[in-house]
Amino acid sequence: MMNSNKKNQEGHNKENLQENCEPDEQISNAENEDCCQAADTDVDAILAENQKLKNDFLRAYADAENTKKRCQAEMEKGLKFAVADFAKSLLPVADNLQRALDACNGGESDETVNGLLKGIELTQSELLKVFDKFGIHKMDIMGKVFDPNFHQVVQEVEDKTKETGTVIAEIQTGYMIHDRILREAMVVVTK
């Protein structure tokens, strides 16, 4: 008996499904509108999520590109200024060569002194070429107004013919490496 009840119930369910599937224009239009509205809502939600994901991707891509550019700039900067300590330790050599040149220009006409002078000049010239190759150059400061970023005042001298703070003498040459200060110039300024 149970088997026959089960079969009857299954037959009844099939009939109900067939009745519900038969076209009923009033119900199907309302159901269609509900389905279309639900589908539109789903499509709008999917499009909004898609747009959000696109924006997130673009932001992440831009961040990655910016990081890449920053790293590249840091690497170039590191390579550009890697020799700064080495160059700074060579500056006293350049100073001593200049002092030797200044001492030899005392008017001595002896051939030995002239040979020594020529050798020192060639050595200094070679040193300056190497400096130039690595972006190291002397500061041009004579006659300019004192700038604490580039100059270190050693002495002030009264001079009414020049503007206060004008560099009138250089005690020690200042050097730049590319666009950075390698060593400040020691100067005498007017007051």
Protein backbone atom coordinates (compact mmCIF):
# COMPACT_ATOMS: atom_id res chain seq x y z
CA MET A 1 0.00 0.00 0.00
CA MET A 2 2.80 2.30 0.71
CA ASN A 3 4.21 1.70 -2.72
CA SER A 4 0.92 2.60 -4.38
CA ASN A 5 0.64 5.80 -2.23
CA LYS A 6 4.13 6.75 -3.20
CA LYS A 7 3.36 6.23 -6.89
CA ASN A 8 0.15 8.24 -6.59
CA GLN A 9 1.96 11.10 -4.89
CA GLU A 10 4.70 11.15 -7.55
CA GLY A 11 2.05 11.20 -10.29
CA HIS A 12 0.24 14.03 -8.52
CA ASN A 13 3.55 16.06 -8.25
CA LYS A 14 4.19 15.58 -11.98
CA GLU A 15 0.68 16.81 -12.78
CA ASN A 16 1.20 19.88 -10.58
CA LEU A 17 4.51 20.63 -12.30
CA GLN A 18 2.91 20.31 -15.71
CA GLU A 19 0.06 22.59 -14.68
CA ASN A 20 2.53 25.19 -13.36
CA CYS A 21 4.58 24.96 -16.56
CA GLU A 22 1.65 25.54 -18.83
CA PRO A 23 1.64 29.11 -20.07
CA ASP A 24 -0.44 31.49 -18.03
CA GLU A 25 0.23 34.92 -19.51
CA GLN A 26 -0.63 36.91 -16.40
CA ILE A 27 1.64 34.92 -14.11
CA SER A 28 4.43 34.51 -16.61
CA ASN A 29 4.63 38.26 -17.38
CA ALA A 30 4.84 39.11 -13.69
CA GLU A 31 7.33 36.35 -13.12
CA ASN A 32 9.31 37.51 -16.18
CA GLU A 33 9.43 41.07 -14.85
CA ASP A 34 10.59 39.81 -11.46
CA CYS A 35 13.23 37.65 -13.13
CA CYS A 36 14.36 40.54 -15.35
CA GLN A 37 14.60 42.89 -12.36
CA ALA A 38 16.58 40.29 -10.42
CA ALA A 39 18.81 39.69 -13.42
CA ASP A 40 19.34 43.46 -13.88
CA THR A 41 20.21 43.77 -10.21
CA ASP A 42 22.67 40.87 -10.53
CA VAL A 43 24.21 42.38 -13.68
CA ASP A 44 24.53 45.79 -12.01
CA ALA A 45 26.20 44.17 -8.99
CA ILE A 46 28.57 42.22 -11.22
CA LEU A 47 29.41 45.33 -13.27
CA ALA A 48 30.04 47.35 -10.09
CA GLU A 49 32.27 44.61 -8.71
CA ASN A 50 34.07 44.39 -12.06
CA GLN A 51 34.67 48.16 -12.06
CA LYS A 52 35.96 47.99 -8.46
CA LEU A 53 38.34 45.18 -9.39
CA LYS A 54 39.55 47.15 -12.43
CA ASN A 55 40.20 50.20 -10.23
CA ASP A 56 42.00 48.07 -7.63
CA PHE A 57 44.13 46.52 -10.37
CA LEU A 58 45.01 49.93 -11.84
CA ARG A 59 45.99 51.26 -8.40
CA ALA A 60 48.13 48.20 -7.69
CA TYR A 61 49.75 48.46 -11.12
CA ALA A 62 50.48 52.18 -10.62
CA ASP A 63 51.95 51.47 -7.16
CA ALA A 64 54.17 48.75 -8.64
CA GLU A 65 55.36 51.09 -11.41
CA ASN A 66 56.07 53.89 -8.92
CA THR A 67 58.00 51.49 -6.69
CA LYS A 68 59.97 50.30 -9.70
CA LYS A 69 60.83 53.90 -10.67
CA ARG A 70 61.83 54.78 -7.08
CA CYS A 71 64.09 51.72 -6.86
CA GLN A 72 65.69 52.56 -10.21
CA ALA A 73 66.30 56.16 -9.09
CA GLU A 74 67.81 54.97 -5.78
CA MET A 75 70.09 52.56 -7.62
CA GLU A 76 71.26 55.29 -10.01
CA LYS A 77 71.81 57.65 -7.08
CA GLY A 78 73.77 54.98 -5.22
CA LEU A 79 76.00 54.36 -8.23
CA LYS A 80 76.41 58.07 -8.90
CA PHE A 81 77.60 58.88 -5.37
CA ALA A 82 79.34 55.58 -4.52
CA VAL A 83 82.77 57.18 -4.93
CA ALA A 84 82.04 60.14 -2.65
CA ASP A 85 84.10 58.87 0.31
CA PHE A 86 86.98 57.92 -1.98
CA ALA A 87 86.84 61.29 -3.71
CA LYS A 88 86.72 63.15 -0.41
CA SER A 89 89.88 61.36 0.73
CA LEU A 90 91.63 62.50 -2.48
CA LEU A 91 90.86 66.18 -1.95
CA PRO A 92 93.87 66.78 0.35
CA VAL A 93 96.08 65.39 -2.44
CA ALA A 94 94.64 68.00 -4.80
CA ASP A 95 95.19 70.68 -2.13
CA ASN A 96 98.83 69.66 -1.64
CA LEU A 97 99.46 69.70 -5.37
CA GLN A 98 98.06 73.22 -5.53
CA ARG A 99 100.26 74.32 -2.61
CA ALA A 100 103.32 72.84 -4.35
CA LEU A 101 102.43 74.73 -7.51
CA ASP A 102 101.97 77.95 -5.57
CA ALA A 103 105.35 77.45 -3.83
CA CYS A 104 107.15 76.75 -7.11
CA ASN A 105 105.82 79.93 -8.70
CA GLY A 106 108.04 82.03 -6.47
CA GLY A 107 110.09 83.32 -9.38
CA GLU A 108 112.87 80.73 -9.22
CA SER A 109 114.37 80.19 -12.66
CA ASP A 110 116.37 77.11 -11.82
CA GLU A 111 115.91 74.29 -14.33
CA THR A 112 115.27 71.70 -11.60
CA VAL A 113 112.51 73.81 -10.10
CA ASN A 114 110.96 74.30 -13.54
CA GLY A 115 111.02 70.52 -14.14
CA LEU A 116 109.43 69.93 -10.74
CA LEU A 117 106.82 72.57 -11.49
CA LYS A 118 106.00 70.96 -14.83
CA GLY A 119 105.66 67.51 -13.20
CA ILE A 120 103.34 68.84 -10.50
CA GLU A 121 101.23 70.66 -13.10
CA LEU A 122 100.86 67.45 -15.14
CA THR A 123 99.95 65.47 -12.02
CA GLN A 124 97.36 68.03 -11.02
CA SER A 125 95.97 68.11 -14.55
CA GLU A 126 95.61 64.30 -14.54
CA LEU A 127 93.95 64.37 -11.12
CA LEU A 128 91.45 66.99 -12.31
CA LYS A 129 90.66 64.86 -15.40
CA VAL A 130 89.87 61.91 -13.13
CA PHE A 131 87.75 64.15 -10.92
CA ASP A 132 85.89 65.42 -13.99
CA LYS A 133 85.29 61.85 -15.18
CA PHE A 134 83.48 61.09 -11.91
CA GLY A 135 81.55 64.38 -11.76
CA ILE A 136 83.80 66.10 -9.21
CA HIS A 137 84.49 69.76 -9.83
CA LYS A 138 85.74 72.83 -7.98
CA MET A 139 83.28 75.43 -6.82
CA ASP A 140 83.57 78.84 -8.45
CA ILE A 141 83.07 81.14 -5.46
CA MET A 142 85.29 84.22 -5.81
CA GLY A 143 83.29 87.46 -5.77
CA LYS A 144 80.03 85.70 -4.90
CA VAL A 145 77.90 86.37 -1.84
CA PHE A 146 78.45 84.03 1.12
CA ASP A 147 76.12 81.02 1.14
CA PRO A 148 76.27 78.83 4.29
CA ASN A 149 75.24 75.82 2.20
CA PHE A 150 78.47 76.02 0.17
CA HIS A 151 80.91 78.11 2.21
CA GLN A 152 82.47 78.02 5.63
CA VAL A 153 83.66 81.44 6.84
CA VAL A 154 87.13 81.38 8.35
CA GLN A 155 87.67 85.11 8.56
CA GLU A 156 85.84 88.38 8.03
CA VAL A 157 87.64 91.41 6.66
CA GLU A 158 86.31 94.96 6.57
CA ASP A 159 85.98 96.22 2.99
CA LYS A 160 83.69 99.14 2.20
CA THR A 161 84.09 98.72 -1.57
CA LYS A 162 82.27 95.39 -1.63
CA GLU A 163 78.87 94.25 -0.42
CA THR A 164 78.82 92.66 3.05
CA GLY A 165 79.29 88.88 2.86
CA THR A 166 81.16 88.87 -0.46
CA VAL A 167 83.81 86.15 -0.78
CA ILE A 168 87.18 87.86 -1.31
CA ALA A 169 89.59 84.96 -0.66
CA GLU A 170 89.52 81.19 -0.72
CA ILE A 171 91.51 79.41 2.00
CA GLN A 172 90.50 75.90 0.94
CA THR A 173 88.79 75.00 -2.33
CA GLY A 174 85.26 73.65 -2.18
CA TYR A 175 84.25 70.69 -4.34
CA MET A 176 80.97 69.33 -5.67
CA ILE A 177 80.21 65.80 -6.80
CA HIS A 178 77.49 66.09 -9.42
CA ASP A 179 74.92 68.27 -7.63
CA ARG A 180 76.00 67.52 -4.04
CA ILE A 181 78.57 69.19 -1.85
CA LEU A 182 81.65 67.05 -1.37
CA ARG A 183 83.43 69.66 0.72
CA GLU A 184 82.51 73.24 1.66
CA ALA A 185 84.88 76.00 0.63
CA MET A 186 86.73 77.78 3.46
CA VAL A 187 86.51 81.48 2.66
CA VAL A 188 87.27 85.01 3.76
CA VAL A 189 84.30 87.39 3.44
CA THR A 190 83.73 91.10 3.78
CA LYS A 191 81.90 92.67 6.69
